[in-house]
Amino acid sequence: MATATEPTEDRGRGVDKSAARVRRMFGEIAGRYDLLNHVLSLGIDVYWRRKTVRLVRPEGAAPLLDLCTGTGDLALAYWRAGRGQTPVVGADFCQPMLAIARDKAARAGAGAITFVEADAERLPFADSQFQIVSVAFGLRNVSDTDRGLAEMLRVCRPGGRIAVLEFSMPRRQPFKFGYEFYFRHVLPRIGQTLARNRHEAYSYLPASVGEFPSGEALAERMRRAGASAVRFVPLSLGVATLYIGTK
């Protein structure tokens, strides 16, 4: 999901990522968020999260943090990967999303997951606490990307890993052309019709993806934040990309 605070240099490029707008926008679509994600991605978002958990697996009983957790899908995937033995914290600043996440966790019997309201740019956690700090489709919504990455590294323990799963744009033609048309023109219309929210969440999606750094550009920002051994793995022909770094 999304989280943001004050306007910053990232916001200045065009997309409004102010806290009030992002929180309100996602709060309005919270009840349909999961359905819309699965329909609009043709269910591939489930595979992307499974891939993330496989490539960045939890080890031992040290806790992990899923940032911008939204309705908790990645937090739940990590809980299952840790066989319920790894404490998982899911953090988001949108209460309607967290309410759904808590309900999901209760129905799954996932007592090892704790959901907390928190701002990605000002995390209320001690330094060097988590073995993994993950974020799925939320970093681009943080108003200051560099500050968000710095906070992820701050709360990650030495030797721990950060995992950033984010949308990206395919590069190979003719798939690139067809996907860009769907992403920019078809997806927003379908999403907005189904979501019926006042803040055009699914027009925001292609705009925010279009101006967010991807590939080597985001990898370099992770390095500047303090991550080492950074690599990125394109998924589904580049529709999404998983970035992995070590503290």
Protein backbone atom coordinates (compact mmCIF):
# COMPACT_ATOMS: atom_id res chain seq x y z
CA MET A 1 0.00 0.00 0.00
CA ALA A 2 1.01 3.60 0.25
CA THR A 3 2.50 5.88 2.81
CA ALA A 4 3.76 9.42 2.62
CA THR A 5 4.28 12.53 4.70
CA GLU A 6 5.26 16.02 3.61
CA PRO A 7 5.81 17.09 -0.02
CA THR A 8 9.39 16.49 -1.16
CA GLU A 9 11.56 16.48 -4.25
CA ASP A 10 9.96 13.24 -5.52
CA ARG A 11 6.53 14.76 -5.39
CA GLY A 12 7.72 17.79 -7.29
CA ARG A 13 7.94 15.79 -10.48
CA GLY A 14 4.18 15.79 -10.92
CA VAL A 15 2.29 13.14 -8.93
CA ASP A 16 0.72 14.32 -5.70
CA LYS A 17 1.98 11.97 -2.97
CA SER A 18 0.93 14.09 -0.02
CA ALA A 19 -0.08 12.14 3.08
CA ALA A 20 -3.67 13.35 3.07
CA ARG A 21 -4.29 12.41 -0.56
CA VAL A 22 -2.60 8.99 -0.45
CA ARG A 23 -4.23 7.96 2.84
CA ARG A 24 -7.68 9.06 1.69
CA MET A 25 -7.33 7.52 -1.76
CA PHE A 26 -6.35 4.07 -0.50
CA GLY A 27 -8.79 4.24 2.37
CA GLU A 28 -11.61 4.69 -0.14
CA ILE A 29 -10.68 1.60 -2.16
CA ALA A 30 -9.62 -0.63 0.77
CA GLY A 31 -12.70 -2.85 0.56
CA ARG A 32 -12.09 -3.67 -3.11
CA TYR A 33 -8.31 -3.45 -3.13
CA ASP A 34 -7.58 -7.20 -3.19
CA LEU A 35 -10.20 -7.98 -5.83
CA LEU A 36 -9.00 -5.17 -8.07
CA ASN A 37 -5.37 -6.23 -7.74
CA HIS A 38 -6.13 -9.83 -8.68
CA VAL A 39 -8.44 -8.92 -11.56
CA LEU A 40 -6.27 -6.22 -13.09
CA SER A 41 -3.06 -8.29 -12.81
CA LEU A 42 -4.83 -11.50 -13.93
CA GLY A 43 -3.74 -13.06 -10.64
CA ILE A 44 -0.04 -12.64 -11.35
CA ASP A 45 0.44 -10.47 -8.23
CA VAL A 46 0.12 -13.66 -6.15
CA TYR A 47 3.06 -15.21 -8.04
CA TRP A 48 5.16 -12.06 -7.57
CA ARG A 49 4.78 -12.21 -3.80
CA ARG A 50 5.59 -15.93 -3.73
CA LYS A 51 8.71 -15.25 -5.78
CA THR A 52 9.75 -12.54 -3.33
CA VAL A 53 9.42 -14.90 -0.39
CA ARG A 54 11.36 -17.63 -2.20
CA LEU A 55 14.26 -15.36 -3.15
CA VAL A 56 14.40 -13.51 0.18
CA ARG A 57 13.51 -16.23 2.68
CA PRO A 58 13.34 -15.73 6.44
CA GLU A 59 15.88 -17.59 8.55
CA GLY A 60 15.52 -18.30 12.24
CA ALA A 61 13.35 -16.52 14.76
CA ALA A 62 14.46 -12.91 14.22
CA PRO A 63 11.49 -10.68 13.30
CA LEU A 64 10.85 -9.22 9.88
CA LEU A 65 9.02 -6.09 8.76
CA ASP A 66 6.65 -5.71 5.82
CA LEU A 67 6.43 -2.00 5.11
CA CYS A 68 3.42 -0.38 3.39
CA THR A 69 1.74 -3.71 4.08
CA GLY A 70 -1.72 -2.66 2.86
CA THR A 71 -4.09 -5.58 3.31
CA GLY A 72 -1.26 -7.80 4.48
CA ASP A 73 -0.71 -10.23 1.60
CA LEU A 74 3.09 -10.18 1.69
CA ALA A 75 3.14 -10.23 5.50
CA LEU A 76 0.98 -13.37 5.38
CA ALA A 77 3.22 -14.92 2.73
CA TYR A 78 6.22 -14.38 4.99
CA TRP A 79 4.37 -15.78 7.98
CA ARG A 80 3.64 -18.95 6.00
CA ALA A 81 7.26 -19.17 4.78
CA GLY A 82 8.45 -18.99 8.39
CA ARG A 83 5.96 -21.73 9.33
CA GLY A 84 4.48 -19.41 11.91
CA GLN A 85 7.73 -19.33 13.89
CA THR A 86 9.06 -16.03 12.54
CA PRO A 87 7.50 -12.91 14.08
CA VAL A 88 6.18 -10.62 11.33
CA VAL A 89 5.33 -6.93 11.68
CA GLY A 90 3.14 -5.32 9.03
CA ALA A 91 3.24 -1.51 8.99
CA ASP A 92 1.03 0.94 7.12
CA PHE A 93 -0.50 4.33 7.78
CA CYS A 94 -3.96 3.62 6.31
CA GLN A 95 -6.29 2.27 8.99
CA PRO A 96 -8.95 0.83 6.62
CA MET A 97 -6.22 -1.28 4.97
CA LEU A 98 -4.87 -2.41 8.35
CA ALA A 99 -8.36 -3.42 9.48
CA ILE A 100 -8.62 -5.79 6.51
CA ALA A 101 -5.09 -7.10 7.13
CA ARG A 102 -5.89 -7.87 10.76
CA ASP A 103 -9.06 -9.70 9.74
CA LYS A 104 -7.13 -11.79 7.20
CA ALA A 105 -4.48 -12.68 9.77
CA ALA A 106 -7.12 -13.67 12.33
CA ARG A 107 -8.89 -15.93 9.82
CA ALA A 108 -5.53 -17.54 8.92
CA GLY A 109 -4.62 -18.08 12.56
CA ALA A 110 -1.54 -15.94 12.02
CA GLY A 111 -0.95 -14.91 15.60
CA ALA A 112 2.73 -14.19 14.89
CA ILE A 113 1.80 -11.16 12.76
CA THR A 114 1.46 -7.76 14.40
CA PHE A 115 -0.01 -4.89 12.39
CA VAL A 116 0.88 -1.35 13.39
CA GLU A 117 0.08 2.10 12.07
CA ALA A 118 3.36 3.68 10.98
CA ASP A 119 4.80 6.17 8.51
CA ALA A 120 7.43 4.71 6.18
CA GLU A 121 9.56 7.84 6.51
CA ARG A 122 9.50 7.84 10.33
CA LEU A 123 9.39 4.22 11.48
CA PRO A 124 8.74 3.72 15.22
CA PHE A 125 11.24 0.87 15.51
CA ALA A 126 14.70 0.57 17.00
CA ASP A 127 17.81 0.41 14.83
CA SER A 128 19.02 -2.97 13.51
CA GLN A 129 15.93 -4.92 14.56
CA PHE A 130 14.65 -6.92 11.56
CA GLN A 131 16.25 -9.72 9.52
CA ILE A 132 14.21 -8.69 6.44
CA VAL A 133 12.50 -5.42 5.60
CA SER A 134 10.17 -5.81 2.62
CA VAL A 135 7.86 -3.52 0.69
CA ALA A 136 5.54 -4.56 -2.13
CA PHE A 137 4.09 -1.94 -4.48
CA GLY A 138 4.41 0.77 -1.85
CA LEU A 139 7.81 2.42 -2.14
CA ARG A 140 6.78 4.49 -5.16
CA ASN A 141 4.00 6.00 -3.01
CA VAL A 142 6.40 7.24 -0.34
CA SER A 143 6.88 10.95 -0.90
CA ASP A 144 10.65 10.79 -0.32
CA THR A 145 12.03 7.57 -1.82
CA ASP A 146 15.52 8.06 -0.40
CA ARG A 147 14.23 8.67 3.09
CA GLY A 148 12.04 5.58 2.87
CA LEU A 149 15.02 3.47 1.80
CA ALA A 150 17.17 4.95 4.56
CA GLU A 151 14.55 4.00 7.14
CA MET A 152 14.38 0.46 5.75
CA LEU A 153 18.15 0.12 6.13
CA ARG A 154 18.14 1.72 9.58
CA VAL A 155 15.77 -0.84 11.10
CA CYS A 156 17.34 -3.79 9.25
CA ARG A 157 19.98 -5.66 11.24
CA PRO A 158 23.56 -5.97 9.89
CA GLY A 159 23.64 -8.83 7.40
CA GLY A 160 19.89 -8.61 6.98
CA ARG A 161 18.20 -7.96 3.66
CA ILE A 162 15.76 -5.53 2.15
CA ALA A 163 13.33 -6.57 -0.58
CA VAL A 164 11.52 -4.07 -2.79
CA LEU A 165 8.84 -5.45 -5.13
CA GLU A 166 7.61 -2.77 -7.48
CA PHE A 167 5.88 -2.26 -10.80
CA SER A 168 8.10 -1.49 -13.77
CA MET A 169 7.67 -1.04 -17.50
CA PRO A 170 8.62 -3.84 -19.94
CA ARG A 171 11.38 -3.03 -22.43
CA ARG A 172 10.95 -5.66 -25.13
CA GLN A 173 8.79 -4.93 -28.16
CA PRO A 174 6.08 -5.67 -29.17
CA PHE A 175 5.05 -6.57 -25.60
CA LYS A 176 6.20 -3.16 -24.36
CA PHE A 177 3.84 -1.31 -26.72
CA GLY A 178 0.82 -3.50 -25.92
CA TYR A 179 1.41 -3.39 -22.18
CA GLU A 180 1.90 0.38 -22.10
CA PHE A 181 -1.42 0.85 -23.89
CA TYR A 182 -3.20 -1.44 -21.42
CA PHE A 183 -1.46 0.10 -18.41
CA ARG A 184 -2.05 3.73 -19.34
CA HIS A 185 -5.46 3.58 -21.01
CA VAL A 186 -7.35 0.36 -20.22
CA LEU A 187 -6.34 -0.41 -16.63
CA PRO A 188 -7.26 3.04 -15.22
CA ARG A 189 -10.73 2.89 -16.80
CA ILE A 190 -11.48 -0.62 -15.51
CA GLY A 191 -10.01 0.09 -12.09
CA GLN A 192 -11.80 3.36 -11.63
CA THR A 193 -15.11 1.87 -12.72
CA LEU A 194 -14.82 -0.97 -10.20
CA ALA A 195 -13.29 1.10 -7.39
CA ARG A 196 -15.65 4.05 -7.74
CA ASN A 197 -13.50 6.31 -5.56
CA ARG A 198 -13.23 10.08 -5.76
CA HIS A 199 -9.45 10.32 -6.01
CA GLU A 200 -8.75 8.39 -9.23
CA ALA A 201 -6.54 5.72 -7.65
CA TYR A 202 -6.12 3.81 -10.88
CA SER A 203 -5.13 6.86 -12.87
CA TYR A 204 -2.60 7.56 -10.14
CA LEU A 205 -1.09 4.08 -10.64
CA PRO A 206 0.37 4.52 -14.15
CA ALA A 207 1.40 8.09 -13.37
CA SER A 208 3.30 7.06 -10.24
CA VAL A 209 4.93 4.07 -11.98
CA GLY A 210 5.92 6.21 -14.95
CA GLU A 211 7.96 8.64 -12.89
CA PHE A 212 9.39 6.18 -10.35
CA PRO A 213 13.02 5.07 -10.86
CA SER A 214 13.42 1.47 -11.98
CA GLY A 215 16.17 -1.00 -12.83
CA GLU A 216 19.68 0.28 -12.21
CA ALA A 217 18.36 3.72 -11.20
CA LEU A 218 16.54 2.32 -8.16
CA ALA A 219 19.38 -0.12 -7.42
CA GLU A 220 21.78 2.82 -7.22
CA ARG A 221 19.50 4.65 -4.81
CA MET A 222 19.47 1.55 -2.62
CA ARG A 223 23.25 1.55 -2.64
CA ARG A 224 23.33 5.22 -1.68
CA ALA A 225 21.01 4.43 1.23
CA GLY A 226 23.55 1.89 2.50
CA ALA A 227 22.64 -1.42 0.85
CA SER A 228 25.30 -3.70 -0.59
CA ALA A 229 25.20 -6.61 -3.05
CA VAL A 230 22.17 -5.01 -4.67
CA ARG A 231 20.58 -6.91 -7.53
CA PHE A 232 17.26 -6.77 -9.33
CA VAL A 233 15.16 -9.48 -10.94
CA PRO A 234 12.59 -8.58 -13.64
CA LEU A 235 9.37 -10.57 -13.31
CA SER A 236 6.74 -11.39 -15.95
CA LEU A 237 8.68 -9.80 -18.82
CA GLY A 238 9.44 -6.73 -16.73
CA VAL A 239 5.90 -5.90 -15.57
CA ALA A 240 7.29 -6.00 -12.03
CA THR A 241 10.82 -6.04 -10.62
CA LEU A 242 12.19 -7.41 -7.37
CA TYR A 243 15.15 -5.51 -5.87
CA ILE A 244 17.27 -7.18 -3.19
CA GLY A 245 20.00 -5.65 -1.05
CA THR A 246 21.97 -6.48 2.09
CA LYS A 247 22.73 -4.22 5.03
